[in-house]
N, C-alpha and C. Protein backbone atom coordinates (compact mmCIF):
# COMPACT_ATOMS: atom_id res chain seq x y z
N MET A 1 85.67 129.58 100.25
CA MET A 1 86.60 128.67 100.89
C MET A 1 87.80 129.50 101.36
N ASP A 2 88.17 129.36 102.61
CA ASP A 2 89.28 130.13 103.14
C ASP A 2 90.58 129.32 103.11
N ASP A 3 91.67 129.96 103.52
CA ASP A 3 92.99 129.33 103.47
C ASP A 3 93.08 128.05 104.29
N ARG A 4 92.29 127.95 105.34
CA ARG A 4 92.35 126.74 106.18
C ARG A 4 91.98 125.49 105.40
N ALA A 5 91.09 125.63 104.42
CA ALA A 5 90.67 124.49 103.61
C ALA A 5 91.82 123.95 102.77
N PHE A 6 92.80 124.79 102.46
CA PHE A 6 93.93 124.39 101.63
C PHE A 6 95.15 123.95 102.44
N LYS A 7 95.15 124.19 103.73
CA LYS A 7 96.34 124.01 104.56
C LYS A 7 96.97 122.62 104.43
N THR A 8 96.21 121.56 104.63
CA THR A 8 96.82 120.22 104.59
C THR A 8 97.29 119.87 103.18
N LEU A 9 96.56 120.28 102.16
CA LEU A 9 96.97 119.99 100.79
C LEU A 9 98.26 120.72 100.44
N THR A 10 98.32 122.01 100.70
CA THR A 10 99.52 122.76 100.32
C THR A 10 100.74 122.31 101.13
N GLU A 11 100.54 122.00 102.41
CA GLU A 11 101.66 121.50 103.21
C GLU A 11 102.17 120.16 102.66
N PHE A 12 101.27 119.32 102.20
CA PHE A 12 101.68 118.04 101.63
C PHE A 12 102.40 118.25 100.31
N ILE A 13 101.85 119.07 99.42
CA ILE A 13 102.47 119.32 98.12
C ILE A 13 103.88 119.89 98.31
N GLU A 14 104.07 120.76 99.28
CA GLU A 14 105.39 121.34 99.54
C GLU A 14 106.43 120.28 99.90
N ARG A 15 106.01 119.15 100.41
CA ARG A 15 106.93 118.07 100.80
C ARG A 15 107.34 117.20 99.62
N ILE A 16 106.64 117.28 98.50
CA ILE A 16 106.94 116.46 97.33
C ILE A 16 108.27 116.95 96.74
N PRO A 17 109.21 116.02 96.46
CA PRO A 17 110.48 116.44 95.88
C PRO A 17 110.27 117.25 94.60
N ALA A 18 111.14 118.21 94.39
CA ALA A 18 111.17 119.07 93.19
C ALA A 18 110.11 120.17 93.21
N ILE A 19 109.16 120.13 94.11
CA ILE A 19 108.14 121.18 94.19
C ILE A 19 108.72 122.39 94.90
N ASN A 20 108.62 123.55 94.28
CA ASN A 20 109.05 124.78 94.93
C ASN A 20 107.98 125.18 95.95
N PRO A 21 108.40 125.66 97.12
CA PRO A 21 107.45 125.86 98.22
C PRO A 21 106.45 127.01 98.06
N SER A 22 106.58 127.82 97.07
CA SER A 22 105.63 128.92 96.88
C SER A 22 104.42 128.41 96.11
N ILE A 23 103.33 128.18 96.83
CA ILE A 23 102.11 127.64 96.22
C ILE A 23 101.01 128.68 96.34
N SER A 24 100.37 128.99 95.22
CA SER A 24 99.21 129.88 95.28
C SER A 24 97.95 129.02 95.17
N LYS A 25 96.86 129.57 95.62
CA LYS A 25 95.60 128.83 95.64
C LYS A 25 94.45 129.80 95.53
N GLY A 26 93.31 129.28 95.14
CA GLY A 26 92.15 130.14 95.03
C GLY A 26 90.89 129.36 94.72
N THR A 27 89.81 130.09 94.75
CA THR A 27 88.49 129.55 94.49
C THR A 27 87.72 130.54 93.65
N ASP A 28 86.98 130.06 92.66
CA ASP A 28 86.17 130.99 91.87
C ASP A 28 84.78 131.14 92.50
N GLU A 29 83.95 131.94 91.88
CA GLU A 29 82.62 132.25 92.44
C GLU A 29 81.70 131.03 92.50
N ASP A 30 82.03 129.99 91.74
CA ASP A 30 81.22 128.77 91.74
C ASP A 30 81.72 127.73 92.73
N GLY A 31 82.79 128.04 93.46
CA GLY A 31 83.34 127.11 94.43
C GLY A 31 84.37 126.16 93.86
N ILE A 32 84.76 126.39 92.62
CA ILE A 32 85.79 125.56 91.99
C ILE A 32 87.15 126.07 92.46
N TRP A 33 87.98 125.19 93.02
CA TRP A 33 89.25 125.61 93.58
C TRP A 33 90.42 125.13 92.73
N TRP A 34 91.57 125.74 92.98
CA TRP A 34 92.80 125.39 92.27
C TRP A 34 94.02 125.67 93.15
N VAL A 35 95.11 124.97 92.86
CA VAL A 35 96.41 125.27 93.45
C VAL A 35 97.41 125.36 92.29
N LYS A 36 98.36 126.27 92.43
CA LYS A 36 99.35 126.51 91.37
C LYS A 36 100.73 126.52 92.00
N PHE A 37 101.67 125.83 91.37
CA PHE A 37 103.02 125.73 91.92
C PHE A 37 104.01 125.54 90.77
N SER A 38 105.28 125.65 91.09
CA SER A 38 106.31 125.38 90.09
C SER A 38 107.12 124.16 90.53
N ILE A 39 107.75 123.55 89.55
CA ILE A 39 108.59 122.38 89.77
C ILE A 39 109.99 122.74 89.31
N ASP A 40 110.97 122.42 90.14
CA ASP A 40 112.37 122.63 89.78
C ASP A 40 112.72 121.62 88.69
N ILE A 41 112.76 122.07 87.44
CA ILE A 41 112.96 121.14 86.33
C ILE A 41 114.37 120.57 86.28
N GLU A 42 115.27 121.11 87.08
CA GLU A 42 116.63 120.57 87.16
C GLU A 42 116.73 119.44 88.21
N HIS A 43 115.72 119.30 89.03
CA HIS A 43 115.72 118.26 90.07
C HIS A 43 115.64 116.89 89.41
N LYS A 44 116.38 115.92 89.91
CA LYS A 44 116.43 114.59 89.30
C LYS A 44 115.08 113.88 89.31
N LEU A 45 114.16 114.29 90.16
CA LEU A 45 112.84 113.65 90.22
C LEU A 45 111.73 114.48 89.58
N ALA A 46 112.08 115.57 88.92
CA ALA A 46 111.06 116.47 88.38
C ALA A 46 110.04 115.74 87.50
N TRP A 47 110.51 114.97 86.55
CA TRP A 47 109.57 114.30 85.64
C TRP A 47 108.88 113.13 86.30
N ASN A 48 109.51 112.51 87.29
CA ASN A 48 108.80 111.49 88.07
C ASN A 48 107.61 112.11 88.79
N VAL A 49 107.83 113.30 89.35
CA VAL A 49 106.75 114.01 90.06
C VAL A 49 105.62 114.36 89.10
N VAL A 50 105.97 114.88 87.92
CA VAL A 50 104.95 115.21 86.92
C VAL A 50 104.17 113.96 86.54
N GLN A 51 104.88 112.87 86.32
CA GLN A 51 104.21 111.62 85.93
C GLN A 51 103.29 111.10 87.03
N GLU A 52 103.77 111.10 88.27
CA GLU A 52 102.95 110.62 89.39
C GLU A 52 101.71 111.49 89.57
N LEU A 53 101.90 112.81 89.57
CA LEU A 53 100.74 113.70 89.74
C LEU A 53 99.77 113.56 88.58
N GLY A 54 100.30 113.47 87.36
CA GLY A 54 99.43 113.29 86.20
C GLY A 54 98.61 112.02 86.29
N CYS A 55 99.22 110.95 86.76
CA CYS A 55 98.51 109.68 86.91
C CYS A 55 97.40 109.79 87.96
N ILE A 56 97.76 110.26 89.14
CA ILE A 56 96.79 110.30 90.24
C ILE A 56 95.69 111.32 89.98
N VAL A 57 96.07 112.52 89.63
CA VAL A 57 95.10 113.61 89.51
C VAL A 57 94.24 113.49 88.25
N ASN A 58 94.84 113.06 87.13
CA ASN A 58 94.10 113.05 85.87
C ASN A 58 93.48 111.70 85.52
N TYR A 59 94.14 110.61 85.92
CA TYR A 59 93.74 109.33 85.35
C TYR A 59 94.02 108.18 86.28
N LEU A 60 93.50 108.25 87.47
CA LEU A 60 93.77 107.21 88.47
C LEU A 60 93.41 105.83 87.93
N SER A 61 92.24 105.70 87.35
CA SER A 61 91.83 104.49 86.64
C SER A 61 90.60 104.84 85.82
N ILE A 62 90.25 103.96 84.92
CA ILE A 62 89.08 104.21 84.07
C ILE A 62 87.82 104.36 84.91
N ASN A 63 87.70 103.56 85.96
CA ASN A 63 86.49 103.55 86.78
C ASN A 63 86.59 104.41 88.03
N GLU A 64 87.75 104.98 88.28
CA GLU A 64 87.96 105.68 89.54
C GLU A 64 88.67 107.03 89.30
N ARG A 65 88.08 107.85 88.48
CA ARG A 65 88.68 109.14 88.17
C ARG A 65 88.30 110.16 89.23
N LEU A 66 89.26 110.99 89.57
CA LEU A 66 88.98 112.09 90.47
C LEU A 66 88.42 113.26 89.66
N PRO A 67 87.66 114.14 90.29
CA PRO A 67 87.11 115.30 89.57
C PRO A 67 88.14 116.44 89.52
N THR A 68 89.35 116.10 89.11
CA THR A 68 90.45 117.05 89.11
C THR A 68 91.24 116.94 87.80
N VAL A 69 92.00 118.00 87.51
CA VAL A 69 92.92 117.98 86.38
C VAL A 69 94.24 118.62 86.82
N PHE A 70 95.32 118.13 86.22
CA PHE A 70 96.68 118.62 86.47
C PHE A 70 97.26 118.99 85.12
N TYR A 71 97.75 120.22 85.00
CA TYR A 71 98.25 120.66 83.70
C TYR A 71 99.26 121.81 83.86
N PRO A 72 100.11 122.00 82.82
CA PRO A 72 101.06 123.10 82.86
C PRO A 72 100.42 124.40 82.37
N VAL A 73 100.92 125.51 82.86
CA VAL A 73 100.52 126.83 82.39
C VAL A 73 101.76 127.71 82.28
N SER A 74 101.72 128.65 81.33
CA SER A 74 102.85 129.54 81.14
C SER A 74 102.42 130.81 80.42
N PRO A 75 103.04 131.93 80.79
CA PRO A 75 102.85 133.12 79.95
C PRO A 75 103.63 132.90 78.65
N ALA A 76 103.45 133.76 77.69
CA ALA A 76 104.13 133.61 76.40
C ALA A 76 105.65 133.58 76.60
N PRO A 77 106.31 132.47 76.24
CA PRO A 77 107.75 132.35 76.46
C PRO A 77 108.56 133.39 75.69
N TYR A 78 108.10 133.77 74.51
CA TYR A 78 108.84 134.75 73.71
C TYR A 78 108.85 136.13 74.34
N MET A 79 107.98 136.38 75.30
CA MET A 79 107.94 137.67 75.98
C MET A 79 108.54 137.61 77.39
N ASN A 80 108.70 136.42 77.93
CA ASN A 80 109.08 136.31 79.33
C ASN A 80 110.38 135.54 79.56
N GLY A 81 110.46 134.35 79.09
CA GLY A 81 111.63 133.52 79.34
C GLY A 81 111.26 132.06 79.36
N GLY A 82 112.23 131.24 79.73
CA GLY A 82 112.08 129.80 79.64
C GLY A 82 111.38 129.15 80.81
N PRO A 83 111.28 127.82 80.74
CA PRO A 83 110.54 127.06 81.73
C PRO A 83 111.15 127.09 83.13
N GLU A 84 112.44 127.34 83.24
CA GLU A 84 113.07 127.42 84.56
C GLU A 84 112.40 128.47 85.44
N ASP A 85 111.95 129.55 84.80
CA ASP A 85 111.37 130.66 85.56
C ASP A 85 109.88 130.86 85.37
N PHE A 86 109.31 130.37 84.27
CA PHE A 86 107.94 130.75 83.97
C PHE A 86 106.96 129.60 83.76
N LEU A 87 107.39 128.37 83.85
CA LEU A 87 106.46 127.25 83.73
C LEU A 87 105.89 126.94 85.10
N SER A 88 104.58 126.88 85.18
CA SER A 88 103.90 126.53 86.43
C SER A 88 102.95 125.36 86.16
N TRP A 89 102.48 124.78 87.24
CA TRP A 89 101.58 123.63 87.15
C TRP A 89 100.35 123.92 88.00
N VAL A 90 99.20 123.50 87.51
CA VAL A 90 97.93 123.74 88.20
C VAL A 90 97.22 122.41 88.44
N ILE A 91 96.65 122.29 89.62
CA ILE A 91 95.68 121.24 89.90
C ILE A 91 94.39 121.97 90.21
N GLU A 92 93.33 121.62 89.52
CA GLU A 92 92.03 122.22 89.82
C GLU A 92 90.96 121.16 89.84
N THR A 93 89.91 121.47 90.55
CA THR A 93 88.80 120.54 90.62
C THR A 93 87.71 120.97 89.64
N LYS A 94 86.90 120.02 89.27
CA LYS A 94 85.73 120.29 88.43
C LYS A 94 84.44 120.07 89.23
N ASP A 95 84.61 119.85 90.54
CA ASP A 95 83.46 119.55 91.41
C ASP A 95 83.61 120.35 92.70
N LYS A 96 82.71 121.27 92.94
CA LYS A 96 82.82 122.13 94.13
C LYS A 96 82.71 121.35 95.43
N ASP A 97 82.17 120.14 95.38
CA ASP A 97 82.05 119.33 96.59
C ASP A 97 83.32 118.52 96.90
N PHE A 98 84.25 118.49 95.95
CA PHE A 98 85.52 117.79 96.16
C PHE A 98 86.47 118.78 96.82
N LYS A 99 86.86 118.51 98.04
CA LYS A 99 87.63 119.46 98.86
C LYS A 99 89.13 119.23 98.73
N PRO A 100 89.94 120.28 98.93
CA PRO A 100 91.39 120.14 98.87
C PRO A 100 91.93 119.05 99.81
N GLY A 101 91.37 118.94 100.99
CA GLY A 101 91.82 117.90 101.92
C GLY A 101 91.57 116.50 101.41
N THR A 102 90.53 116.33 100.62
CA THR A 102 90.25 115.02 100.03
C THR A 102 91.31 114.67 99.00
N LEU A 103 91.73 115.64 98.20
CA LEU A 103 92.81 115.39 97.25
C LEU A 103 94.09 115.04 97.99
N LYS A 104 94.36 115.72 99.08
CA LYS A 104 95.56 115.42 99.87
C LYS A 104 95.56 113.95 100.29
N LYS A 105 94.41 113.43 100.71
CA LYS A 105 94.32 112.03 101.13
C LYS A 105 94.58 111.08 99.96
N TRP A 106 94.08 111.40 98.77
CA TRP A 106 94.33 110.58 97.59
C TRP A 106 95.82 110.59 97.25
N LEU A 107 96.44 111.76 97.27
CA LEU A 107 97.86 111.86 96.96
C LEU A 107 98.69 111.11 97.99
N GLU A 108 98.38 111.32 99.24
CA GLU A 108 99.12 110.69 100.33
C GLU A 108 99.05 109.16 100.24
N GLY A 109 97.91 108.65 99.83
CA GLY A 109 97.72 107.21 99.73
C GLY A 109 98.38 106.56 98.52
N ARG A 110 98.80 107.38 97.53
CA ARG A 110 99.32 106.80 96.30
C ARG A 110 100.74 107.24 95.93
N LEU A 111 101.21 108.32 96.49
CA LEU A 111 102.59 108.75 96.26
C LEU A 111 103.52 107.97 97.19
N PRO A 112 104.82 107.95 96.89
CA PRO A 112 105.76 107.27 97.79
C PRO A 112 105.59 107.75 99.23
N ASN A 113 105.84 106.84 100.18
CA ASN A 113 105.61 107.15 101.58
C ASN A 113 106.86 106.83 102.39
N PRO A 114 107.41 107.80 103.10
CA PRO A 114 107.00 109.20 103.15
C PRO A 114 107.36 109.93 101.86
N VAL A 115 106.54 110.87 101.48
CA VAL A 115 106.66 111.53 100.19
C VAL A 115 107.96 112.31 100.04
N ASP A 116 108.53 112.77 101.12
CA ASP A 116 109.76 113.56 101.03
C ASP A 116 111.03 112.73 101.18
N ASP A 117 110.90 111.41 101.23
CA ASP A 117 112.05 110.52 101.29
C ASP A 117 112.45 110.14 99.86
N LEU A 118 113.55 110.71 99.37
CA LEU A 118 113.97 110.47 98.00
C LEU A 118 114.20 109.00 97.71
N GLY A 119 114.59 108.24 98.70
CA GLY A 119 114.82 106.81 98.52
C GLY A 119 113.56 106.02 98.20
N GLU A 120 112.41 106.57 98.51
CA GLU A 120 111.13 105.90 98.24
C GLU A 120 110.65 106.09 96.80
N TRP A 121 111.25 107.03 96.09
CA TRP A 121 110.84 107.33 94.71
C TRP A 121 111.56 106.41 93.74
N ASN A 122 110.82 105.90 92.77
CA ASN A 122 111.41 105.08 91.73
C ASN A 122 112.12 106.00 90.75
N MET A 123 113.44 105.93 90.72
CA MET A 123 114.21 106.86 89.88
C MET A 123 114.71 106.21 88.59
N GLU A 124 114.16 105.08 88.21
CA GLU A 124 114.60 104.42 86.97
C GLU A 124 113.93 105.03 85.77
């Protein structure tokens, strides 16, 4: 899978509040893909973003689960530093037939619209 397959997904993720624009992506030899990014934990919507992504990517509903997972990753904090600089988040698929553009459509349909309008996010 080349970079073009990730283009719409990464461009959409970059528009989500609190997401830092440096997104890495890749595919393993079995066709399983992933995207990795960081979240500005000082942003007022950081945990709203984590909650929304966790809901959509991990647990949309009991009968309508996506073949994806969203989770945090970090090198050893005692050797590197705190979450401001070293905590990252990964979305990966468990199904090689589930394409990055398909995930973008699911996110777009369920996140606030437009996703980069802070007024659309529930900040309570």
